[in-house]
Protein backbone atom coordinates (compact mmCIF):
# COMPACT_ATOMS: atom_id res chain seq x y z
CA MET A 1 -49.60 -73.93 -73.24
CA SER A 2 -53.31 -72.57 -74.10
CA VAL A 3 -54.20 -68.84 -73.94
CA VAL A 4 -55.65 -68.84 -70.60
CA ALA A 5 -52.79 -70.61 -68.99
CA THR A 6 -51.09 -68.01 -70.36
CA SER A 7 -53.26 -65.43 -68.53
CA ARG A 8 -53.17 -66.92 -65.68
CA TYR A 9 -49.82 -67.14 -65.18
CA ARG A 10 -49.29 -63.28 -66.23
CA ASN A 11 -52.44 -62.65 -63.50
CA CYS A 12 -50.34 -64.30 -60.66
CA TYR A 13 -47.26 -63.04 -61.72
CA ARG A 14 -48.61 -59.53 -61.12
CA ARG A 15 -50.15 -60.12 -57.93
CA GLY A 16 -46.52 -61.46 -56.71
CA LEU A 17 -44.62 -58.56 -57.79
CA ALA A 18 -46.90 -56.23 -55.83
CA LEU A 19 -47.40 -57.71 -52.66
CA VAL A 20 -43.28 -57.67 -52.84
CA LEU A 21 -43.45 -53.85 -53.21
CA LEU A 22 -45.63 -53.54 -51.04
CA LEU A 23 -43.43 -55.20 -48.42
CA LEU A 24 -40.38 -52.79 -49.21
CA VAL A 25 -42.81 -49.92 -48.53
CA ALA A 26 -43.99 -51.13 -45.37
CA CYS A 27 -40.28 -52.24 -43.85
CA GLY A 28 -39.26 -48.68 -45.03
CA ASN A 29 -36.50 -47.34 -42.62
CA ASN A 30 -36.23 -50.88 -40.80
CA TYR A 31 -34.15 -51.83 -43.91
CA GLN A 32 -30.70 -53.20 -43.16
CA ALA A 33 -28.50 -54.59 -45.60
CA PRO A 34 -27.13 -58.28 -44.83
CA VAL A 35 -24.73 -58.27 -42.21
CA ASP A 36 -21.68 -59.14 -45.03
CA GLU A 37 -23.05 -56.09 -46.73
CA GLN A 38 -22.43 -53.56 -43.41
CA GLY A 39 -19.05 -52.20 -43.40
CA GLU A 40 -16.82 -51.57 -40.44
CA ARG A 41 -18.63 -49.85 -37.13
CA LEU A 42 -15.74 -47.63 -35.74
CA VAL A 43 -14.75 -48.87 -32.38
CA VAL A 44 -13.10 -46.09 -30.26
CA SER A 45 -10.98 -47.19 -27.38
CA ASN A 46 -9.31 -45.60 -24.36
CA PRO A 47 -5.90 -44.00 -25.63
CA ILE A 48 -2.73 -45.05 -24.70
CA ILE A 49 -0.78 -43.78 -21.40
CA VAL A 50 2.95 -44.22 -21.92
CA ASP A 51 4.21 -44.07 -17.67
CA SER A 52 8.48 -43.28 -18.75
CA SER A 53 8.89 -43.55 -14.69
CA ARG A 54 8.26 -47.38 -15.17
CA GLY A 55 8.70 -48.34 -18.39
CA ASP A 56 5.12 -50.12 -19.31
CA THR A 57 2.67 -49.22 -21.14
CA SER A 58 -1.05 -49.16 -19.35
CA PHE A 59 -4.13 -49.52 -21.95
CA ASN A 60 -7.50 -48.65 -21.09
CA ALA A 61 -5.92 -46.32 -18.06
CA PRO A 62 -7.75 -43.07 -16.68
CA ARG A 63 -6.11 -39.77 -17.41
CA SER A 64 -4.39 -38.06 -14.50
CA ARG A 65 -3.17 -34.40 -13.78
CA PRO A 66 0.70 -33.56 -13.74
CA ARG A 67 2.01 -33.56 -10.24
CA VAL A 68 3.37 -30.04 -9.07
CA ALA A 69 6.32 -30.93 -6.47
CA ALA A 70 6.35 -28.03 -4.13
CA SER A 71 8.63 -25.56 -3.15
CA SER A 72 9.90 -23.61 -0.17
CA THR A 73 11.58 -21.13 -2.26
CA LEU A 74 8.18 -19.87 -3.21
CA PRO A 75 7.44 -16.26 -1.86
CA GLU A 76 4.40 -15.91 -0.09
CA VAL A 77 2.15 -12.90 -2.51
CA VAL A 78 1.33 -10.23 -0.68
CA PRO A 79 -0.77 -8.09 -3.02
CA ALA A 80 -0.08 -4.14 -3.73
CA ALA A 81 -2.67 -2.95 -1.82
CA SER A 82 -2.52 -4.88 1.59
CA GLN A 83 1.54 -3.64 1.39
CA SER A 84 0.91 -0.03 1.15
CA ARG A 85 -1.38 -0.47 4.02
CA LEU A 86 0.74 -2.34 6.58
CA LEU A 87 3.89 -0.67 5.81
CA SER A 88 3.21 3.15 4.72
CA HIS A 89 1.31 6.20 6.23
CA ARG A 90 -0.02 8.97 4.23
CA VAL A 91 0.31 11.66 6.36
CA ARG A 92 -3.14 13.59 7.30
CA PRO A 93 -2.79 17.71 8.56
CA GLY A 94 -3.02 17.49 12.45
CA ASP A 95 -0.88 13.96 12.05
CA THR A 96 3.15 14.51 13.98
CA LEU A 97 5.56 11.91 13.53
CA HIS A 98 5.20 11.15 17.64
CA SER A 99 1.15 10.69 16.91
CA ILE A 100 1.84 8.10 13.83
CA ALA A 101 4.51 6.07 15.58
CA PHE A 102 2.03 6.12 18.37
CA GLN A 103 -0.65 4.69 16.31
CA TYR A 104 1.32 2.23 14.68
CA ASP A 105 3.16 1.34 18.33
CA LEU A 106 6.43 2.61 17.06
CA ASP A 107 9.74 4.15 18.13
CA ALA A 108 9.33 8.37 16.71
CA ARG A 109 13.20 8.39 16.32
CA ASN A 110 13.41 5.30 14.19
CA LEU A 111 10.32 6.50 11.64
CA ALA A 112 12.63 9.41 11.51
CA ILE A 113 15.48 7.49 10.37
CA ALA A 114 13.70 4.62 8.42
CA ASN A 115 12.03 8.37 6.10
CA ASN A 116 15.61 10.50 6.28
CA LEU A 117 14.33 13.04 8.08
CA ARG A 118 16.69 15.56 9.55
CA PRO A 119 16.11 18.71 11.31
CA PRO A 120 13.72 19.99 11.79
CA TYR A 121 11.92 17.04 10.61
CA THR A 122 9.20 18.14 7.91
CA ILE A 123 6.59 16.40 6.28
CA PHE A 124 4.03 17.42 4.06
CA ILE A 125 0.12 16.28 3.80
CA ASP A 126 0.15 13.17 1.44
CA GLN A 127 3.38 12.50 1.84
CA GLU A 128 3.51 8.32 2.19
CA LEU A 129 6.25 7.29 5.50
CA ASN A 130 7.82 4.34 5.55
CA LEU A 131 6.79 2.22 8.67
CA ASP A 132 8.89 -0.81 7.99
CA LEU A 133 12.06 -0.39 10.19
CA SER A 134 12.79 -3.46 10.32
CA ARG A 135 16.13 -2.56 8.60
CA ILE A 136 17.29 0.30 10.92
CA SER A 137 20.58 -1.26 12.73
CA ASN A 138 20.95 -0.05 16.19
CA THR A 139 24.46 2.13 14.37
CA ALA A 140 22.03 3.79 12.06
CA LEU A 141 20.10 4.87 15.28
CA ARG A 142 23.44 6.22 17.06
CA SER A 143 24.70 8.25 14.44
CA ALA A 144 21.18 9.87 13.49
CA ALA A 145 20.58 13.16 14.00
CA ASP A 146 18.88 14.27 17.42
CA THR A 147 14.81 13.77 17.41
CA SER A 148 14.40 15.74 20.61
CA ASN A 149 12.00 18.01 19.00
CA LEU A 150 9.27 15.99 17.21
CA GLY A 151 6.40 18.10 18.23
CA THR A 152 4.31 20.37 15.89
CA ALA A 153 1.17 18.65 14.14
CA VAL A 154 0.86 19.64 10.18
CA ARG A 155 -2.32 22.04 9.81
CA ASN A 156 -2.56 22.81 6.62
CA ASN A 157 -1.57 21.73 2.99
CA SER A 158 1.19 22.62 2.80
CA VAL A 159 4.11 22.02 5.27
CA ALA A 160 4.51 20.98 8.87
CA GLN A 161 7.74 21.35 10.79
CA ALA A 162 7.75 19.37 13.90
CA GLN A 163 10.25 21.81 15.57
CA PRO A 164 7.78 23.22 18.32
CA VAL A 165 7.65 26.94 18.52
CA ARG A 166 9.12 28.99 21.99
CA ALA A 167 5.98 30.50 23.79
CA ARG A 168 3.21 30.71 26.56
CA SER A 169 -0.17 29.07 26.45
CA GLY A 170 -2.00 28.94 29.43
CA GLY A 171 1.02 29.51 32.14
CA VAL A 172 2.65 26.57 30.72
CA THR A 173 6.12 27.66 29.08
CA ARG A 174 6.43 25.69 25.55
CA GLN A 175 9.90 25.55 24.51
CA PRO A 176 12.02 21.77 23.53
CA ILE A 177 13.09 19.61 25.88
CA SER A 178 16.89 19.42 26.30
CA ASN A 179 18.90 17.47 23.77
CA SER A 180 21.10 15.41 26.68
CA ARG A 181 20.11 12.03 27.63
CA SER A 182 17.51 12.89 29.92
CA PRO A 183 17.22 10.28 33.51
CA ASP A 184 13.85 7.89 33.95
CA PRO A 185 11.13 9.96 34.62
CA HIS A 186 9.70 9.85 38.70
CA TRP A 187 5.92 9.51 38.32
CA GLN A 188 2.30 10.20 39.51
CA TRP A 189 -0.85 9.50 39.02
CA PRO A 190 -2.47 11.35 36.27
CA HIS A 191 -5.92 10.90 38.04
CA SER A 192 -6.93 10.05 40.98
CA GLY A 193 -9.92 7.61 40.78
CA ARG A 194 -10.06 3.64 40.99
CA VAL A 195 -8.58 1.37 38.26
CA LEU A 196 -11.68 0.38 35.87
CA ARG A 197 -9.73 -1.94 33.75
CA ALA A 198 -5.95 -3.18 34.06
CA PHE A 199 -2.98 -3.58 31.52
CA GLN A 200 -3.75 -6.51 29.27
CA ALA A 201 -4.34 -7.68 25.83
CA GLY A 202 -6.43 -5.67 23.56
CA ASN A 203 -6.05 -2.59 26.72
CA LYS A 204 -2.04 -1.28 25.74
CA GLY A 205 -2.83 1.03 28.99
CA ILE A 206 -4.89 1.38 32.14
CA ASP A 207 -9.00 2.64 32.28
CA ILE A 208 -9.22 4.81 35.74
CA GLY A 209 -12.77 6.08 36.40
CA GLY A 210 -13.93 9.37 37.15
CA ARG A 211 -16.08 12.21 36.72
CA PHE A 212 -16.84 14.33 33.58
CA GLY A 213 -14.93 17.43 33.47
CA ASP A 214 -12.87 16.10 36.99
CA PRO A 215 -9.27 17.44 36.09
CA VAL A 216 -5.97 15.24 33.97
CA TRP A 217 -2.40 15.68 35.49
CA ALA A 218 0.60 15.25 33.86
CA ALA A 219 2.30 12.26 34.97
CA SER A 220 5.61 13.05 34.73
CA ASP A 221 8.11 16.23 33.43
CA GLY A 222 7.48 16.77 29.62
CA GLU A 223 7.02 18.25 26.39
CA VAL A 224 3.82 17.42 24.73
CA VAL A 225 3.98 15.78 21.63
CA TYR A 226 0.80 15.29 20.18
CA SER A 227 -2.82 17.01 21.28
CA GLY A 228 -6.00 16.27 18.88
CA ASN A 229 -8.39 13.74 18.05
CA GLY A 230 -6.95 12.24 14.88
CA ILE A 231 -5.71 8.56 16.33
CA GLN A 232 -8.90 6.23 15.98
CA GLY A 233 -10.33 4.40 19.31
CA THR A 234 -8.99 7.60 21.27
CA GLY A 235 -11.05 10.22 20.73
CA ASP A 236 -9.42 13.62 22.09
CA LEU A 237 -6.04 12.32 23.10
CA ILE A 238 -2.85 13.81 24.63
CA ILE A 239 0.69 12.78 24.13
CA ILE A 240 3.50 13.90 26.21
CA ARG A 241 7.29 13.51 25.65
CA HIS A 242 9.36 12.66 28.80
CA GLY A 243 12.93 11.99 27.81
CA ASP A 244 14.62 10.23 25.17
CA SER A 245 12.70 6.48 25.32
CA TYR A 246 9.21 7.34 27.15
CA LEU A 247 5.45 8.45 26.65
CA SER A 248 2.49 9.17 28.15
CA ALA A 249 -1.12 9.17 26.74
CA TYR A 250 -4.23 10.89 27.79
CA ALA A 251 -6.78 9.77 25.91
CA HIS A 252 -10.95 10.50 25.77
CA ASN A 253 -10.76 13.98 27.29
CA SER A 254 -13.54 16.32 27.23
CA VAL A 255 -10.91 19.43 27.43
CA MET A 256 -7.64 19.94 26.44
CA LEU A 257 -5.63 22.64 27.98
CA VAL A 258 -2.23 22.11 26.24
CA SER A 259 -0.80 22.12 22.55
CA GLU A 260 1.63 20.49 20.64
CA GLY A 261 5.26 22.08 21.93
CA SER A 262 4.31 22.86 25.51
CA ARG A 263 6.51 22.12 28.26
CA VAL A 264 4.69 20.66 31.54
CA THR A 265 5.64 19.94 34.45
CA ALA A 266 3.93 16.83 36.46
CA GLY A 267 1.11 17.98 38.39
CA ASP A 268 0.03 20.06 35.55
CA LYS A 269 -3.60 20.17 34.94
CA ILE A 270 -3.71 19.40 31.40
CA ALA A 271 -7.07 18.27 30.29
CA GLU A 272 -10.63 17.41 31.74
CA ILE A 273 -12.17 13.96 31.86
CA GLY A 274 -14.29 12.88 29.33
CA GLU A 275 -16.96 9.99 28.21
CA ASN A 276 -14.96 6.54 26.50
CA PRO A 277 -17.51 5.36 23.27
CA ALA A 278 -19.93 3.88 25.50
CA GLY A 279 -20.49 6.95 27.82
CA VAL A 280 -18.57 5.85 30.40
CA ALA A 281 -16.38 8.83 32.33
CA MET A 282 -12.87 8.09 32.05
CA LEU A 283 -9.12 8.58 31.49
CA HIS A 284 -7.27 5.58 29.80
CA PHE A 285 -3.69 6.29 30.10
CA GLU A 286 -0.83 4.91 28.59
CA ILE A 287 2.98 4.74 28.61
CA ARG A 288 4.69 3.55 26.20
CA VAL A 289 9.19 2.85 26.30
CA ASP A 290 10.79 3.11 23.08
CA GLY A 291 7.50 2.95 21.21
CA ASN A 292 5.99 -0.49 23.17
CA SER A 293 3.15 -0.65 25.30
CA VAL A 294 4.01 -1.27 28.73
CA ASP A 295 1.81 -1.45 32.01
CA PRO A 296 1.47 1.80 33.41
CA ILE A 297 1.15 0.22 37.19
CA ARG A 298 5.19 -0.59 37.52
CA PHE A 299 6.04 3.00 37.09
CA LEU A 300 2.94 4.39 39.03
CA PRO A 301 3.64 4.86 42.98
CA ARG A 302 1.70 2.59 45.58
CA ARG A 303 -1.68 4.27 46.58
């Protein structure tokens, strides 16, 4: 081969090699090895779930949450704070056993028994009283000590005794009612006004209309076991105990003329009519039997 031919061949070889290098640079990141040189790609599939209850296997089935069987024996969980609000009462200044029982629609005798109180039925400021009377049996009620004198309110930050004091105030003799079983009381109207609202759901007594300052009379003979304004929604309130089972209550008074422990007779002026929160002059009157509200019209004489 001549020298000229050899030189041409070398030039062509160099150009070809340079062209191959340029093509490789241009392809850059897009270059892939031949298929047979690529490694196997990882194939991910859903797990196999075995249902032992059916004895078979399911492939690629979605995973489900375990089932929890309902149980009728599981107790209902009630927050401790809610239990304390429902099942106990913290004694405040001015409280008496009867006012506390009245507030929660309970019988004062049962309340005393539930808290192991004995004469003179002493209660303390900030004392927690148990309101759960569901476990009190009739036998315990019959064998309990007499609770006929449960009147004097808590007045200071130390102690209060429920035994009323013998004294005279405003012409009304202050003495305890006899411990003997008393007959059912004889009732009279506590005011001569017309009934504005009858006994019904949401109204535990009757509302009697009147004029501000009109007299409020004791509806039957009895002992005043509460005279104060510590029960929400009643304003100035008087509660009178009539024997073992009966209470009468007189709410929204403008003036109260008797105090705890006072002995009153039917027709005695015990207060003067005031106004309810809406500004209506009226007397709210209730009768309760063993702590339960009843319709006063059943007991009051017909007009």
